[in-house]
N, C-alpha and C. Protein backbone atom coordinates (compact mmCIF):
# COMPACT_ATOMS: atom_id res chain seq x y z
N MET A 1 -91.93 59.30 83.91
CA MET A 1 -92.61 58.02 83.94
C MET A 1 -93.03 57.72 85.38
N SER A 2 -94.22 57.18 85.54
CA SER A 2 -94.77 56.90 86.86
C SER A 2 -94.09 55.69 87.49
N THR A 3 -93.87 55.75 88.80
CA THR A 3 -93.30 54.62 89.52
C THR A 3 -94.37 53.72 90.10
N THR A 4 -95.63 54.13 89.95
CA THR A 4 -96.75 53.32 90.44
C THR A 4 -96.96 52.15 89.49
N LYS A 5 -97.07 50.96 90.07
CA LYS A 5 -97.30 49.77 89.26
C LYS A 5 -98.75 49.73 88.78
N ALA A 6 -98.93 49.19 87.61
CA ALA A 6 -100.28 48.97 87.10
C ALA A 6 -100.95 47.90 87.95
N PHE A 7 -102.27 47.94 87.99
CA PHE A 7 -103.04 46.99 88.79
C PHE A 7 -102.60 45.55 88.55
N VAL A 8 -102.48 45.14 87.29
CA VAL A 8 -102.18 43.74 86.98
C VAL A 8 -100.77 43.32 87.38
N ASP A 9 -99.89 44.28 87.65
CA ASP A 9 -98.53 43.93 88.05
C ASP A 9 -98.47 43.23 89.40
N ASN A 10 -99.49 43.41 90.23
CA ASN A 10 -99.54 42.75 91.52
C ASN A 10 -100.84 41.98 91.74
N TYR A 11 -101.63 41.81 90.70
CA TYR A 11 -102.91 41.11 90.80
C TYR A 11 -102.64 39.60 90.71
N LEU A 12 -102.99 38.90 91.77
CA LEU A 12 -102.64 37.48 91.90
C LEU A 12 -103.02 36.64 90.67
N PRO A 13 -104.26 36.70 90.17
CA PRO A 13 -104.57 35.88 89.00
C PRO A 13 -103.68 36.19 87.79
N ALA A 14 -103.35 37.46 87.60
CA ALA A 14 -102.47 37.83 86.48
C ALA A 14 -101.07 37.28 86.70
N LEU A 15 -100.58 37.38 87.91
CA LEU A 15 -99.24 36.85 88.21
C LEU A 15 -99.19 35.33 88.05
N LEU A 16 -100.21 34.64 88.56
CA LEU A 16 -100.26 33.18 88.41
C LEU A 16 -100.32 32.79 86.94
N GLY A 17 -101.15 33.50 86.17
CA GLY A 17 -101.28 33.20 84.76
C GLY A 17 -99.99 33.43 84.00
N GLN A 18 -99.32 34.53 84.27
CA GLN A 18 -98.06 34.81 83.60
C GLN A 18 -96.99 33.78 83.97
N ALA A 19 -96.89 33.47 85.25
CA ALA A 19 -95.90 32.48 85.69
C ALA A 19 -96.19 31.13 85.06
N TRP A 20 -97.46 30.71 85.07
CA TRP A 20 -97.83 29.43 84.47
C TRP A 20 -97.46 29.41 82.99
N TYR A 21 -97.81 30.46 82.27
CA TYR A 21 -97.55 30.50 80.84
C TYR A 21 -96.06 30.44 80.54
N LEU A 22 -95.27 31.26 81.23
CA LEU A 22 -93.84 31.30 80.96
C LEU A 22 -93.15 29.99 81.28
N VAL A 23 -93.48 29.42 82.42
CA VAL A 23 -92.83 28.19 82.86
C VAL A 23 -93.28 27.00 82.03
N SER A 24 -94.57 26.92 81.74
CA SER A 24 -95.05 25.74 81.01
C SER A 24 -94.67 25.76 79.54
N THR A 25 -94.66 26.93 78.91
CA THR A 25 -94.33 26.95 77.48
C THR A 25 -92.88 26.56 77.22
N GLU A 26 -92.02 26.71 78.21
CA GLU A 26 -90.64 26.25 78.05
C GLU A 26 -90.59 24.75 77.78
N PHE A 27 -91.56 24.01 78.30
CA PHE A 27 -91.57 22.56 78.16
C PHE A 27 -92.46 22.08 77.01
N HIS A 28 -93.31 22.94 76.49
CA HIS A 28 -94.25 22.53 75.44
C HIS A 28 -93.56 21.99 74.20
N GLY A 29 -92.44 22.57 73.82
CA GLY A 29 -91.71 22.09 72.65
C GLY A 29 -91.27 20.64 72.81
N VAL A 30 -90.85 20.29 74.02
CA VAL A 30 -90.44 18.91 74.30
C VAL A 30 -91.62 17.97 74.12
N VAL A 31 -92.77 18.36 74.64
CA VAL A 31 -93.98 17.55 74.53
C VAL A 31 -94.35 17.35 73.07
N GLU A 32 -94.35 18.43 72.32
CA GLU A 32 -94.75 18.36 70.91
C GLU A 32 -93.77 17.55 70.09
N GLN A 33 -92.49 17.55 70.46
CA GLN A 33 -91.51 16.71 69.76
C GLN A 33 -91.81 15.22 69.93
N HIS A 34 -92.52 14.88 70.99
CA HIS A 34 -92.91 13.49 71.24
C HIS A 34 -94.26 13.16 70.60
N GLY A 35 -94.80 14.08 69.81
CA GLY A 35 -96.02 13.82 69.07
C GLY A 35 -97.30 13.97 69.86
N LEU A 36 -97.24 14.62 71.00
CA LEU A 36 -98.43 14.83 71.83
C LEU A 36 -98.84 16.29 71.81
N SER A 37 -100.14 16.52 71.90
CA SER A 37 -100.61 17.88 72.12
C SER A 37 -100.39 18.18 73.61
N ILE A 38 -100.46 19.44 73.97
CA ILE A 38 -100.27 19.83 75.37
C ILE A 38 -101.36 19.22 76.24
N LEU A 39 -102.60 19.23 75.76
CA LEU A 39 -103.68 18.65 76.56
C LEU A 39 -103.53 17.13 76.68
N GLU A 40 -103.10 16.46 75.62
CA GLU A 40 -102.84 15.01 75.72
C GLU A 40 -101.80 14.74 76.79
N TRP A 41 -100.74 15.53 76.81
CA TRP A 41 -99.69 15.40 77.80
C TRP A 41 -100.24 15.60 79.21
N ARG A 42 -101.00 16.67 79.39
CA ARG A 42 -101.54 16.94 80.73
C ARG A 42 -102.47 15.82 81.19
N VAL A 43 -103.30 15.32 80.29
CA VAL A 43 -104.24 14.26 80.65
C VAL A 43 -103.49 12.97 80.98
N LEU A 44 -102.61 12.54 80.09
CA LEU A 44 -101.92 11.27 80.31
C LEU A 44 -100.98 11.32 81.52
N SER A 45 -100.28 12.43 81.71
CA SER A 45 -99.38 12.52 82.87
C SER A 45 -100.17 12.59 84.17
N THR A 46 -101.32 13.24 84.14
CA THR A 46 -102.17 13.30 85.34
C THR A 46 -102.68 11.92 85.68
N LEU A 47 -103.19 11.20 84.69
CA LEU A 47 -103.69 9.85 84.94
C LEU A 47 -102.58 8.89 85.35
N ALA A 48 -101.42 9.05 84.75
CA ALA A 48 -100.29 8.18 85.10
C ALA A 48 -99.87 8.40 86.55
N GLY A 49 -99.99 9.63 87.02
CA GLY A 49 -99.58 9.95 88.38
C GLY A 49 -100.65 9.71 89.43
N HIS A 50 -101.92 9.77 89.03
CA HIS A 50 -103.02 9.69 89.99
C HIS A 50 -103.79 8.38 89.95
N GLY A 51 -103.73 7.67 88.86
CA GLY A 51 -104.58 6.50 88.71
C GLY A 51 -105.96 6.94 88.25
N PRO A 52 -106.95 6.05 88.35
CA PRO A 52 -108.28 6.36 87.83
C PRO A 52 -108.88 7.61 88.45
N MET A 53 -109.54 8.41 87.59
CA MET A 53 -110.16 9.67 88.03
C MET A 53 -111.48 9.85 87.30
N THR A 54 -112.37 10.62 87.91
CA THR A 54 -113.59 11.01 87.21
C THR A 54 -113.23 12.05 86.15
N ILE A 55 -114.08 12.16 85.17
CA ILE A 55 -113.83 13.13 84.10
C ILE A 55 -113.85 14.55 84.64
N SER A 56 -114.74 14.84 85.59
CA SER A 56 -114.79 16.21 86.13
C SER A 56 -113.52 16.53 86.93
N SER A 57 -113.02 15.58 87.70
CA SER A 57 -111.76 15.81 88.43
C SER A 57 -110.60 15.97 87.47
N LEU A 58 -110.60 15.16 86.42
CA LEU A 58 -109.53 15.25 85.42
C LEU A 58 -109.59 16.59 84.70
N ALA A 59 -110.78 17.07 84.38
CA ALA A 59 -110.93 18.37 83.73
C ALA A 59 -110.37 19.48 84.62
N GLN A 60 -110.67 19.41 85.90
CA GLN A 60 -110.17 20.43 86.82
C GLN A 60 -108.65 20.39 86.92
N MET A 61 -108.09 19.20 87.06
CA MET A 61 -106.63 19.09 87.22
C MET A 61 -105.87 19.45 85.97
N THR A 62 -106.47 19.23 84.80
CA THR A 62 -105.79 19.52 83.54
C THR A 62 -106.16 20.89 82.98
N VAL A 63 -106.96 21.63 83.74
CA VAL A 63 -107.38 22.97 83.35
C VAL A 63 -107.98 22.94 81.94
N SER A 64 -109.00 22.10 81.79
CA SER A 64 -109.66 21.98 80.50
C SER A 64 -111.18 21.92 80.70
N LYS A 65 -111.90 22.23 79.65
CA LYS A 65 -113.36 22.17 79.70
C LYS A 65 -113.79 20.73 79.46
N GLN A 66 -114.85 20.33 80.15
CA GLN A 66 -115.29 18.94 80.09
C GLN A 66 -115.63 18.47 78.67
N PRO A 67 -116.34 19.25 77.83
CA PRO A 67 -116.62 18.76 76.48
C PRO A 67 -115.35 18.53 75.65
N THR A 68 -114.38 19.43 75.79
CA THR A 68 -113.09 19.28 75.09
C THR A 68 -112.39 18.03 75.58
N LEU A 69 -112.39 17.83 76.88
CA LEU A 69 -111.74 16.66 77.47
C LEU A 69 -112.42 15.38 77.02
N THR A 70 -113.73 15.37 76.99
CA THR A 70 -114.46 14.17 76.57
C THR A 70 -114.09 13.78 75.14
N ARG A 71 -114.02 14.76 74.24
CA ARG A 71 -113.61 14.47 72.85
C ARG A 71 -112.20 13.92 72.81
N LEU A 72 -111.30 14.51 73.60
CA LEU A 72 -109.92 14.03 73.64
C LEU A 72 -109.85 12.61 74.18
N LEU A 73 -110.62 12.32 75.22
CA LEU A 73 -110.62 10.97 75.80
C LEU A 73 -111.10 9.93 74.80
N LEU A 74 -112.05 10.29 73.95
CA LEU A 74 -112.50 9.36 72.91
C LEU A 74 -111.35 9.01 71.96
N ARG A 75 -110.58 10.02 71.57
CA ARG A 75 -109.42 9.79 70.69
C ARG A 75 -108.36 8.95 71.40
N LEU A 76 -108.04 9.32 72.65
CA LEU A 76 -107.02 8.59 73.40
C LEU A 76 -107.45 7.14 73.64
N GLU A 77 -108.73 6.94 73.84
CA GLU A 77 -109.25 5.58 74.05
C GLU A 77 -109.11 4.77 72.75
N ALA A 78 -109.44 5.39 71.62
CA ALA A 78 -109.31 4.71 70.32
C ALA A 78 -107.86 4.35 70.02
N GLN A 79 -106.92 5.16 70.53
CA GLN A 79 -105.49 4.91 70.33
C GLN A 79 -104.93 3.92 71.35
N GLY A 80 -105.75 3.52 72.31
CA GLY A 80 -105.30 2.57 73.32
C GLY A 80 -104.52 3.18 74.47
N HIS A 81 -104.63 4.49 74.67
CA HIS A 81 -103.88 5.17 75.73
C HIS A 81 -104.66 5.31 77.04
N VAL A 82 -106.00 5.28 76.96
CA VAL A 82 -106.82 5.37 78.17
C VAL A 82 -107.97 4.36 78.07
N GLU A 83 -108.52 4.06 79.23
CA GLU A 83 -109.72 3.23 79.32
C GLU A 83 -110.72 3.94 80.20
N ARG A 84 -112.00 3.78 79.86
CA ARG A 84 -113.05 4.36 80.69
C ARG A 84 -113.93 3.23 81.20
N ALA A 85 -114.39 3.38 82.44
CA ALA A 85 -115.27 2.38 83.05
C ALA A 85 -116.17 3.08 84.06
N THR A 86 -117.30 2.47 84.33
CA THR A 86 -118.20 2.99 85.33
C THR A 86 -117.62 2.72 86.71
N SER A 87 -117.72 3.71 87.59
CA SER A 87 -117.22 3.56 88.96
C SER A 87 -117.98 2.45 89.67
N GLU A 88 -117.27 1.62 90.39
CA GLU A 88 -117.90 0.56 91.17
C GLU A 88 -118.65 1.14 92.37
N ASN A 89 -118.14 2.25 92.91
CA ASN A 89 -118.75 2.87 94.09
C ASN A 89 -120.01 3.67 93.76
N ASP A 90 -120.03 4.30 92.60
CA ASP A 90 -121.17 5.12 92.22
C ASP A 90 -121.33 5.04 90.71
N ARG A 91 -122.30 4.31 90.26
CA ARG A 91 -122.48 4.01 88.84
C ARG A 91 -122.78 5.26 88.01
N ARG A 92 -123.03 6.40 88.65
CA ARG A 92 -123.27 7.64 87.90
C ARG A 92 -121.98 8.22 87.33
N TYR A 93 -120.83 7.78 87.86
CA TYR A 93 -119.56 8.36 87.46
C TYR A 93 -118.77 7.43 86.56
N THR A 94 -118.12 8.04 85.59
CA THR A 94 -117.20 7.33 84.72
C THR A 94 -115.79 7.61 85.21
N LEU A 95 -115.01 6.56 85.36
CA LEU A 95 -113.60 6.70 85.74
C LEU A 95 -112.74 6.49 84.50
N VAL A 96 -111.70 7.27 84.41
CA VAL A 96 -110.75 7.17 83.30
C VAL A 96 -109.41 6.79 83.89
N ARG A 97 -108.70 5.90 83.21
CA ARG A 97 -107.36 5.54 83.66
C ARG A 97 -106.45 5.40 82.45
N ALA A 98 -105.18 5.66 82.65
CA ALA A 98 -104.20 5.46 81.59
C ALA A 98 -103.92 3.97 81.48
N THR A 99 -103.82 3.49 80.26
CA THR A 99 -103.44 2.10 80.03
C THR A 99 -101.92 1.99 80.17
N ARG A 100 -101.42 0.78 80.14
CA ARG A 100 -99.96 0.58 80.18
C ARG A 100 -99.31 1.33 79.02
N ASN A 101 -99.95 1.29 77.86
CA ASN A 101 -99.45 1.99 76.68
C ASN A 101 -99.41 3.51 76.93
N GLY A 102 -100.47 4.04 77.53
CA GLY A 102 -100.51 5.47 77.83
C GLY A 102 -99.46 5.88 78.84
N ARG A 103 -99.28 5.06 79.88
CA ARG A 103 -98.26 5.36 80.90
C ARG A 103 -96.86 5.30 80.29
N ARG A 104 -96.63 4.32 79.43
CA ARG A 104 -95.33 4.18 78.78
C ARG A 104 -95.05 5.39 77.88
N LEU A 105 -96.10 5.88 77.21
CA LEU A 105 -95.96 7.02 76.31
C LEU A 105 -95.44 8.26 77.02
N VAL A 106 -95.89 8.49 78.27
CA VAL A 106 -95.50 9.71 78.98
C VAL A 106 -94.41 9.50 80.03
N ALA A 107 -93.98 8.27 80.26
CA ALA A 107 -92.99 8.02 81.31
C ALA A 107 -91.71 8.83 81.11
N GLY A 108 -91.16 8.80 79.94
CA GLY A 108 -89.94 9.56 79.67
C GLY A 108 -90.16 11.06 79.76
N LEU A 109 -91.32 11.50 79.31
CA LEU A 109 -91.65 12.92 79.39
C LEU A 109 -91.80 13.37 80.84
N MET A 110 -92.34 12.50 81.68
CA MET A 110 -92.50 12.87 83.09
C MET A 110 -91.13 13.08 83.73
N ALA A 111 -90.17 12.24 83.38
CA ALA A 111 -88.81 12.41 83.90
C ALA A 111 -88.21 13.74 83.41
N GLN A 112 -88.46 14.06 82.14
CA GLN A 112 -87.96 15.33 81.60
C GLN A 112 -88.67 16.52 82.25
N ALA A 113 -89.95 16.36 82.55
CA ALA A 113 -90.70 17.44 83.21
C ALA A 113 -90.15 17.66 84.63
N GLU A 114 -89.82 16.59 85.32
CA GLU A 114 -89.23 16.73 86.66
C GLU A 114 -87.89 17.46 86.59
N GLU A 115 -87.09 17.16 85.57
CA GLU A 115 -85.82 17.86 85.40
C GLU A 115 -86.06 19.33 85.06
N HIS A 116 -87.05 19.61 84.24
CA HIS A 116 -87.40 20.98 83.91
C HIS A 116 -87.79 21.75 85.18
N GLU A 117 -88.59 21.11 86.03
CA GLU A 117 -88.99 21.74 87.29
C GLU A 117 -87.77 22.00 88.18
N ARG A 118 -86.87 21.04 88.27
CA ARG A 118 -85.66 21.23 89.09
C ARG A 118 -84.86 22.44 88.60
N THR A 119 -84.74 22.58 87.28
CA THR A 119 -84.01 23.71 86.70
C THR A 119 -84.68 25.03 87.05
N ILE A 120 -86.01 25.06 86.95
CA ILE A 120 -86.75 26.29 87.26
C ILE A 120 -86.59 26.68 88.73
N LEU A 121 -86.64 25.68 89.60
CA LEU A 121 -86.63 25.96 91.04
C LEU A 121 -85.23 26.04 91.64
N ALA A 122 -84.21 25.69 90.87
CA ALA A 122 -82.83 25.67 91.39
C ALA A 122 -82.39 26.98 92.05
N PRO A 123 -82.76 28.15 91.52
CA PRO A 123 -82.31 29.39 92.15
C PRO A 123 -82.93 29.67 93.52
N PHE A 124 -83.96 28.93 93.89
CA PHE A 124 -84.69 29.19 95.13
C PHE A 124 -84.30 28.21 96.22
N SER A 125 -84.36 28.66 97.45
CA SER A 125 -84.06 27.78 98.59
C SER A 125 -85.17 26.74 98.72
N ALA A 126 -84.84 25.65 99.38
CA ALA A 126 -85.82 24.59 99.61
C ALA A 126 -87.01 25.13 100.39
N ASP A 127 -86.77 26.03 101.34
CA ASP A 127 -87.86 26.62 102.13
C ASP A 127 -88.82 27.42 101.24
N LYS A 128 -88.26 28.20 100.30
CA LYS A 128 -89.11 28.99 99.40
C LYS A 128 -89.93 28.07 98.49
N VAL A 129 -89.30 27.03 97.98
CA VAL A 129 -90.00 26.09 97.10
C VAL A 129 -91.13 25.41 97.85
N GLU A 130 -90.84 24.96 99.06
CA GLU A 130 -91.86 24.31 99.89
C GLU A 130 -93.01 25.27 100.19
N ALA A 131 -92.68 26.52 100.53
CA ALA A 131 -93.71 27.52 100.84
C ALA A 131 -94.55 27.83 99.61
N LEU A 132 -93.91 27.99 98.47
CA LEU A 132 -94.63 28.28 97.23
C LEU A 132 -95.62 27.17 96.91
N LYS A 133 -95.16 25.94 96.96
CA LYS A 133 -96.04 24.81 96.64
C LYS A 133 -97.15 24.67 97.68
N ALA A 134 -96.84 24.89 98.94
CA ALA A 134 -97.87 24.79 99.99
C ALA A 134 -98.96 25.84 99.78
N ILE A 135 -98.58 27.06 99.45
CA ILE A 135 -99.55 28.13 99.21
C ILE A 135 -100.40 27.80 97.98
N LEU A 136 -99.76 27.32 96.92
CA LEU A 136 -100.52 26.98 95.72
C LEU A 136 -101.50 25.83 95.99
N HIS A 137 -101.06 24.81 96.72
CA HIS A 137 -101.97 23.71 97.07
C HIS A 137 -103.15 24.23 97.90
N GLU A 138 -102.87 25.13 98.83
CA GLU A 138 -103.94 25.68 99.66
C GLU A 138 -104.91 26.51 98.83
N LEU A 139 -104.39 27.33 97.91
CA LEU A 139 -105.27 28.11 97.04
C LEU A 139 -106.17 27.20 96.21
N ILE A 140 -105.59 26.16 95.66
CA ILE A 140 -106.37 25.21 94.87
C ILE A 140 -107.44 24.55 95.72
N GLU A 141 -107.07 24.10 96.89
CA GLU A 141 -108.02 23.45 97.78
C GLU A 141 -109.17 24.38 98.17
N ARG A 142 -108.83 25.61 98.52
CA ARG A 142 -109.86 26.57 98.96
C ARG A 142 -110.81 26.99 97.84
N HIS A 143 -110.33 26.95 96.60
CA HIS A 143 -111.14 27.47 95.49
C HIS A 143 -111.66 26.38 94.55
N SER A 144 -111.43 25.13 94.90
CA SER A 144 -111.96 24.03 94.09
C SER A 144 -113.44 23.87 94.36
N PRO A 145 -114.19 23.52 93.32
CA PRO A 145 -115.62 23.30 93.55
C PRO A 145 -115.81 22.07 94.44
N PRO A 146 -116.90 22.04 95.19
CA PRO A 146 -117.16 20.88 96.04
C PRO A 146 -117.32 19.62 95.20
N VAL A 147 -116.88 18.51 95.75
CA VAL A 147 -116.95 17.24 95.01
C VAL A 147 -118.30 16.61 95.19
């Protein structure tokens, strides 16, 4: 058997994708037990943590396509979990925000997600965790489309 690793074994996008999938799916069952889809969870927790956002920024942060997100936002708005309004600064943009009901819906889940993250990162030193997050933030910043 060859000791040479396959290309994807060290290919950054493949490693990031595998890590994301393994770590996030551990928490998906918890989300679904609360009656939310994974995308609903990502959208509501992002809005709860960030406040009002444009749909394009929200799509990028939740790793979703804009048409899919727009359909989801219509449902969440009908359920009273989000509100949409035209930006006061630039009327071309629509801002989305979580309502009190939407924030309340994900508040407990956010606490459970933080505990899940602590469990995942517990084996690593604080320096490694800080370095990992700093590198990921930098990668995201460098490869995000211009605003």
